[in-house]
Amino acid sequence: MRIKLDHDIDPGQCVSKKIPVILSKAETFYLGIDMVSEQVTWFEFLGNEVSLIRLNPEKNH
């Protein structure tokens, strides 16, 4: 999945975005977030860490 940013991001700058995710099971998942310079490279390949976000689905009552 790709989420388009509204503008360029400078080093050290933070951005908040809502990312719609549908989980198929009631388990904990981890979502990896990486930046890409289109048609150039993923930032991970340049030594940047992929951000991992823990997703805990809400349980139906």
PDB file of N, CA and C in Angstrom:
ATOM      1  N   MET A   1       0.842  -1.163   0.000  1.00  0.00           N
ATOM      2  CA  MET A   1       0.000   0.000   0.000  1.00  0.00           C
ATOM      3  C   MET A   1       0.892   1.232   0.000  1.00  0.00           C
ATOM      4  N   ARG A   2       0.492   2.239  -0.715  1.00  0.00           N
ATOM      5  CA  ARG A   2       1.240   3.502  -0.728  1.00  0.00           C
ATOM      6  C   ARG A   2       0.308   4.627  -0.306  1.00  0.00           C
ATOM      7  N   ILE A   3       0.834   5.510   0.501  1.00  0.00           N
ATOM      8  CA  ILE A   3       0.107   6.700   0.936  1.00  0.00           C
ATOM      9  C   ILE A   3       0.876   7.905   0.418  1.00  0.00           C
ATOM     10  N   LYS A   4       0.238   8.718  -0.397  1.00  0.00           N
ATOM     11  CA  LYS A   4       0.895   9.896  -0.971  1.00  0.00           C
ATOM     12  C   LYS A   4       0.969  11.009   0.073  1.00  0.00           C
ATOM     13  N   LEU A   5       2.129  11.651   0.132  1.00  0.00           N
ATOM     14  CA  LEU A   5       2.304  12.798   1.014  1.00  0.00           C
ATOM     15  C   LEU A   5       2.012  14.072   0.228  1.00  0.00           C
ATOM     16  N   ASP A   6       1.543  15.090   0.929  1.00  0.00           N
ATOM     17  CA  ASP A   6       1.153  16.341   0.282  1.00  0.00           C
ATOM     18  C   ASP A   6       2.339  17.211  -0.116  1.00  0.00           C
ATOM     19  N   HIS A   7       3.503  16.939   0.477  1.00  0.00           N
ATOM     20  CA  HIS A   7       4.682  17.774   0.220  1.00  0.00           C
ATOM     21  C   HIS A   7       5.938  16.987   0.572  1.00  0.00           C
ATOM     22  N   ASP A   8       7.095  17.500   0.186  1.00  0.00           N
ATOM     23  CA  ASP A   8       8.366  16.862   0.530  1.00  0.00           C
ATOM     24  C   ASP A   8       8.584  16.912   2.040  1.00  0.00           C
ATOM     25  N   ILE A   9       9.333  15.944   2.557  1.00  0.00           N
ATOM     26  CA  ILE A   9       9.642  15.861   3.982  1.00  0.00           C
ATOM     27  C   ILE A   9      11.138  16.075   4.151  1.00  0.00           C
ATOM     28  N   ASP A  10      11.504  17.034   4.974  1.00  0.00           N
ATOM     29  CA  ASP A  10      12.914  17.306   5.247  1.00  0.00           C
ATOM     30  C   ASP A  10      13.450  16.338   6.297  1.00  0.00           C
ATOM     31  N   PRO A  11      14.759  16.081   6.313  1.00  0.00           N
ATOM     32  CA  PRO A  11      15.350  15.222   7.348  1.00  0.00           C
ATOM     33  C   PRO A  11      14.980  15.728   8.747  1.00  0.00           C
ATOM     34  N   GLY A  12      14.524  14.810   9.595  1.00  0.00           N
ATOM     35  CA  GLY A  12      14.146  15.151  10.964  1.00  0.00           C
ATOM     36  C   GLY A  12      12.723  15.661  11.107  1.00  0.00           C
ATOM     37  N   GLN A  13      12.045  15.910  10.008  1.00  0.00           N
ATOM     38  CA  GLN A  13      10.674  16.408  10.052  1.00  0.00           C
ATOM     39  C   GLN A  13       9.711  15.248  10.292  1.00  0.00           C
ATOM     40  N   CYS A  14       8.602  15.507  10.986  1.00  0.00           N
ATOM     41  CA  CYS A  14       7.588  14.490  11.272  1.00  0.00           C
ATOM     42  C   CYS A  14       6.324  14.762  10.470  1.00  0.00           C
ATOM     43  N   VAL A  15       5.629  13.684  10.139  1.00  0.00           N
ATOM     44  CA  VAL A  15       4.365  13.773   9.413  1.00  0.00           C
ATOM     45  C   VAL A  15       3.400  12.787  10.042  1.00  0.00           C
ATOM     46  N   SER A  16       2.141  13.174  10.171  1.00  0.00           N
ATOM     47  CA  SER A  16       1.094  12.270  10.655  1.00  0.00           C
ATOM     48  C   SER A  16       0.124  11.995   9.518  1.00  0.00           C
ATOM     49  N   LYS A  17      -0.194  10.723   9.316  1.00  0.00           N
ATOM     50  CA  LYS A  17      -1.163  10.318   8.299  1.00  0.00           C
ATOM     51  C   LYS A  17      -2.015   9.197   8.876  1.00  0.00           C
ATOM     52  N   LYS A  18      -3.285   9.168   8.516  1.00  0.00           N
ATOM     53  CA  LYS A  18      -4.148   8.043   8.863  1.00  0.00           C
ATOM     54  C   LYS A  18      -4.005   7.011   7.753  1.00  0.00           C
ATOM     55  N   ILE A  19      -3.790   5.761   8.148  1.00  0.00           N
ATOM     56  CA  ILE A  19      -3.610   4.678   7.184  1.00  0.00           C
ATOM     57  C   ILE A  19      -4.706   3.643   7.435  1.00  0.00           C
ATOM     58  N   PRO A  20      -5.627   3.473   6.498  1.00  0.00           N
ATOM     59  CA  PRO A  20      -6.686   2.486   6.697  1.00  0.00           C
ATOM     60  C   PRO A  20      -6.138   1.068   6.562  1.00  0.00           C
ATOM     61  N   VAL A  21      -6.363   0.261   7.580  1.00  0.00           N
ATOM     62  CA  VAL A  21      -5.883  -1.125   7.581  1.00  0.00           C
ATOM     63  C   VAL A  21      -7.028  -2.023   8.032  1.00  0.00           C
ATOM     64  N   ILE A  22      -7.298  -3.064   7.269  1.00  0.00           N
ATOM     65  CA  ILE A  22      -8.307  -4.051   7.650  1.00  0.00           C
ATOM     66  C   ILE A  22      -7.582  -5.341   7.999  1.00  0.00           C
ATOM     67  N   LEU A  23      -7.785  -5.805   9.229  1.00  0.00           N
ATOM     68  CA  LEU A  23      -7.145  -7.037   9.690  1.00  0.00           C
ATOM     69  C   LEU A  23      -8.127  -8.188   9.556  1.00  0.00           C
ATOM     70  N   SER A  24      -7.661  -9.308   9.043  1.00  0.00           N
ATOM     71  CA  SER A  24      -8.544 -10.441   8.792  1.00  0.00           C
ATOM     72  C   SER A  24      -8.691 -11.374   9.989  1.00  0.00           C
ATOM     73  N   LYS A  25      -7.797 -11.268  10.958  1.00  0.00           N
ATOM     74  CA  LYS A  25      -7.842 -12.148  12.124  1.00  0.00           C
ATOM     75  C   LYS A  25      -7.706 -11.322  13.392  1.00  0.00           C
ATOM     76  N   ALA A  26      -8.169 -11.875  14.488  1.00  0.00           N
ATOM     77  CA  ALA A  26      -8.044 -11.200  15.782  1.00  0.00           C
ATOM     78  C   ALA A  26      -6.686 -11.523  16.392  1.00  0.00           C
ATOM     79  N   GLU A  27      -5.637 -11.144  15.704  1.00  0.00           N
ATOM     80  CA  GLU A  27      -4.268 -11.359  16.170  1.00  0.00           C
ATOM     81  C   GLU A  27      -3.526 -10.035  16.130  1.00  0.00           C
ATOM     82  N   THR A  28      -2.378  -9.993  16.782  1.00  0.00           N
ATOM     83  CA  THR A  28      -1.531  -8.810  16.718  1.00  0.00           C
ATOM     84  C   THR A  28      -0.681  -8.870  15.456  1.00  0.00           C
ATOM     85  N   PHE A  29      -0.620  -7.767  14.731  1.00  0.00           N
ATOM     86  CA  PHE A  29       0.183  -7.651  13.522  1.00  0.00           C
ATOM     87  C   PHE A  29       1.140  -6.483  13.666  1.00  0.00           C
ATOM     88  N   TYR A  30       2.178  -6.473  12.854  1.00  0.00           N
ATOM     89  CA  TYR A  30       3.102  -5.344  12.790  1.00  0.00           C
ATOM     90  C   TYR A  30       3.088  -4.799  11.372  1.00  0.00           C
ATOM     91  N   LEU A  31       2.948  -3.487  11.266  1.00  0.00           N
ATOM     92  CA  LEU A  31       2.949  -2.804   9.981  1.00  0.00           C
ATOM     93  C   LEU A  31       4.277  -2.082   9.829  1.00  0.00           C
ATOM     94  N   GLY A  32       5.002  -2.367   8.743  1.00  0.00           N
ATOM     95  CA  GLY A  32       6.280  -1.708   8.485  1.00  0.00           C
ATOM     96  C   GLY A  32       6.072  -0.474   7.619  1.00  0.00           C
ATOM     97  N   ILE A  33       6.662   0.639   8.033  1.00  0.00           N
ATOM     98  CA  ILE A  33       6.535   1.902   7.303  1.00  0.00           C
ATOM     99  C   ILE A  33       7.910   2.316   6.789  1.00  0.00           C
ATOM    100  N   ASP A  34       8.005   2.551   5.497  1.00  0.00           N
ATOM    101  CA  ASP A  34       9.253   3.008   4.879  1.00  0.00           C
ATOM    102  C   ASP A  34       8.905   4.114   3.891  1.00  0.00           C
ATOM    103  N   MET A  35       9.841   4.989   3.641  1.00  0.00           N
ATOM    104  CA  MET A  35       9.668   6.052   2.649  1.00  0.00           C
ATOM    105  C   MET A  35      10.327   5.595   1.347  1.00  0.00           C
ATOM    106  N   VAL A  36       9.846   6.160   0.236  1.00  0.00           N
ATOM    107  CA  VAL A  36      10.434   5.844  -1.066  1.00  0.00           C
ATOM    108  C   VAL A  36      10.608   7.137  -1.855  1.00  0.00           C
ATOM    109  N   SER A  37      11.704   7.224  -2.561  1.00  0.00           N
ATOM    110  CA  SER A  37      11.892   8.288  -3.545  1.00  0.00           C
ATOM    111  C   SER A  37      11.523   7.646  -4.875  1.00  0.00           C
ATOM    112  N   GLU A  38      10.349   7.978  -5.399  1.00  0.00           N
ATOM    113  CA  GLU A  38       9.804   7.296  -6.574  1.00  0.00           C
ATOM    114  C   GLU A  38      10.814   7.196  -7.710  1.00  0.00           C
ATOM    115  N   GLN A  39      10.896   6.000  -8.267  1.00  0.00           N
ATOM    116  CA  GLN A  39      11.775   5.690  -9.389  1.00  0.00           C
ATOM    117  C   GLN A  39      13.258   5.779  -9.016  1.00  0.00           C
ATOM    118  N   VAL A  40      13.556   5.873  -7.690  1.00  0.00           N
ATOM    119  CA  VAL A  40      14.952   5.962  -7.253  1.00  0.00           C
ATOM    120  C   VAL A  40      15.268   4.811  -6.307  1.00  0.00           C
ATOM    121  N   THR A  41      14.762   4.860  -5.064  1.00  0.00           N
ATOM    122  CA  THR A  41      15.052   3.801  -4.091  1.00  0.00           C
ATOM    123  C   THR A  41      14.165   3.939  -2.861  1.00  0.00           C
ATOM    124  N   TRP A  42      14.082   2.840  -2.104  1.00  0.00           N
ATOM    125  CA  TRP A  42      13.465   2.863  -0.781  1.00  0.00           C
ATOM    126  C   TRP A  42      14.511   3.379   0.202  1.00  0.00           C
ATOM    127  N   PHE A  43      14.069   4.146   1.187  1.00  0.00           N
ATOM    128  CA  PHE A  43      15.001   4.717   2.161  1.00  0.00           C
ATOM    129  C   PHE A  43      15.701   3.629   2.978  1.00  0.00           C
ATOM    130  N   GLU A  44      15.035   2.491   3.192  1.00  0.00           N
ATOM    131  CA  GLU A  44      15.657   1.384   3.928  1.00  0.00           C
ATOM    132  C   GLU A  44      16.963   0.960   3.260  1.00  0.00           C
ATOM    133  N   PHE A  45      17.010   0.977   1.946  1.00  0.00           N
ATOM    134  CA  PHE A  45      18.216   0.570   1.219  1.00  0.00           C
ATOM    135  C   PHE A  45      19.358   1.562   1.395  1.00  0.00           C
ATOM    136  N   LEU A  46      19.032   2.747   1.908  1.00  0.00           N
ATOM    137  CA  LEU A  46      20.051   3.769   2.177  1.00  0.00           C
ATOM    138  C   LEU A  46      20.481   3.768   3.641  1.00  0.00           C
ATOM    139  N   GLY A  47      19.991   2.776   4.416  1.00  0.00           N
ATOM    140  CA  GLY A  47      20.400   2.652   5.808  1.00  0.00           C
ATOM    141  C   GLY A  47      19.392   3.152   6.826  1.00  0.00           C
ATOM    142  N   ASN A  48      18.238   3.654   6.387  1.00  0.00           N
ATOM    143  CA  ASN A  48      17.216   4.113   7.324  1.00  0.00           C
ATOM    144  C   ASN A  48      16.418   2.928   7.859  1.00  0.00           C
ATOM    145  N   GLU A  49      16.002   3.021   9.119  1.00  0.00           N
ATOM    146  CA  GLU A  49      15.211   1.952   9.726  1.00  0.00           C
ATOM    147  C   GLU A  49      13.762   2.026   9.270  1.00  0.00           C
ATOM    148  N   VAL A  50      13.171   0.868   9.028  1.00  0.00           N
ATOM    149  CA  VAL A  50      11.740   0.782   8.774  1.00  0.00           C
ATOM    150  C   VAL A  50      11.045   0.925  10.125  1.00  0.00           C
ATOM    151  N   SER A  51      10.033   1.781  10.200  1.00  0.00           N
ATOM    152  CA  SER A  51       9.269   1.949  11.440  1.00  0.00           C
ATOM    153  C   SER A  51       8.247   0.828  11.536  1.00  0.00           C
ATOM    154  N   LEU A  52       8.221   0.135  12.665  1.00  0.00           N
ATOM    155  CA  LEU A  52       7.241  -0.926  12.890  1.00  0.00           C
ATOM    156  C   LEU A  52       6.168  -0.418  13.838  1.00  0.00           C
ATOM    157  N   ILE A  53       4.916  -0.597  13.439  1.00  0.00           N
ATOM    158  CA  ILE A  53       3.781  -0.185  14.253  1.00  0.00           C
ATOM    159  C   ILE A  53       2.994  -1.434  14.616  1.00  0.00           C
ATOM    160  N   ARG A  54       2.767  -1.622  15.911  1.00  0.00           N
ATOM    161  CA  ARG A  54       2.008  -2.782  16.385  1.00  0.00           C
ATOM    162  C   ARG A  54       0.518  -2.495  16.237  1.00  0.00           C
ATOM    163  N   LEU A  55      -0.199  -3.413  15.598  1.00  0.00           N
ATOM    164  CA  LEU A  55      -1.639  -3.285  15.395  1.00  0.00           C
ATOM    165  C   LEU A  55      -2.351  -4.337  16.222  1.00  0.00           C
ATOM    166  N   ASN A  56      -3.228  -3.887  17.098  1.00  0.00           N
ATOM    167  CA  ASN A  56      -4.032  -4.793  17.915  1.00  0.00           C
ATOM    168  C   ASN A  56      -5.488  -4.629  17.505  1.00  0.00           C
ATOM    169  N   PRO A  57      -6.064  -5.615  16.830  1.00  0.00           N
ATOM    170  CA  PRO A  57      -7.461  -5.478  16.412  1.00  0.00           C
ATOM    171  C   PRO A  57      -8.389  -5.438  17.619  1.00  0.00           C
ATOM    172  N   GLU A  58      -9.450  -4.649  17.485  1.00  0.00           N
ATOM    173  CA  GLU A  58     -10.449  -4.605  18.551  1.00  0.00           C
ATOM    174  C   GLU A  58     -11.238  -5.901  18.512  1.00  0.00           C
ATOM    175  N   LYS A  59     -11.514  -6.430  19.682  1.00  0.00           N
ATOM    176  CA  LYS A  59     -12.282  -7.672  19.759  1.00  0.00           C
ATOM    177  C   LYS A  59     -13.762  -7.344  19.848  1.00  0.00           C
ATOM    178  N   ASN A  60     -14.580  -8.078  19.084  1.00  0.00           N
ATOM    179  CA  ASN A  60     -16.034  -7.882  19.140  1.00  0.00           C
ATOM    180  C   ASN A  60     -16.561  -8.427  20.447  1.00  0.00           C
ATOM    181  N   HIS A  61     -17.502  -7.708  21.033  1.00  0.00           N
ATOM    182  CA  HIS A  61     -18.090  -8.148  22.313  1.00  0.00           C
ATOM    183  C   HIS A  61     -19.459  -8.719  22.083  1.00  0.00           C
TER     184      HIS A  61
END
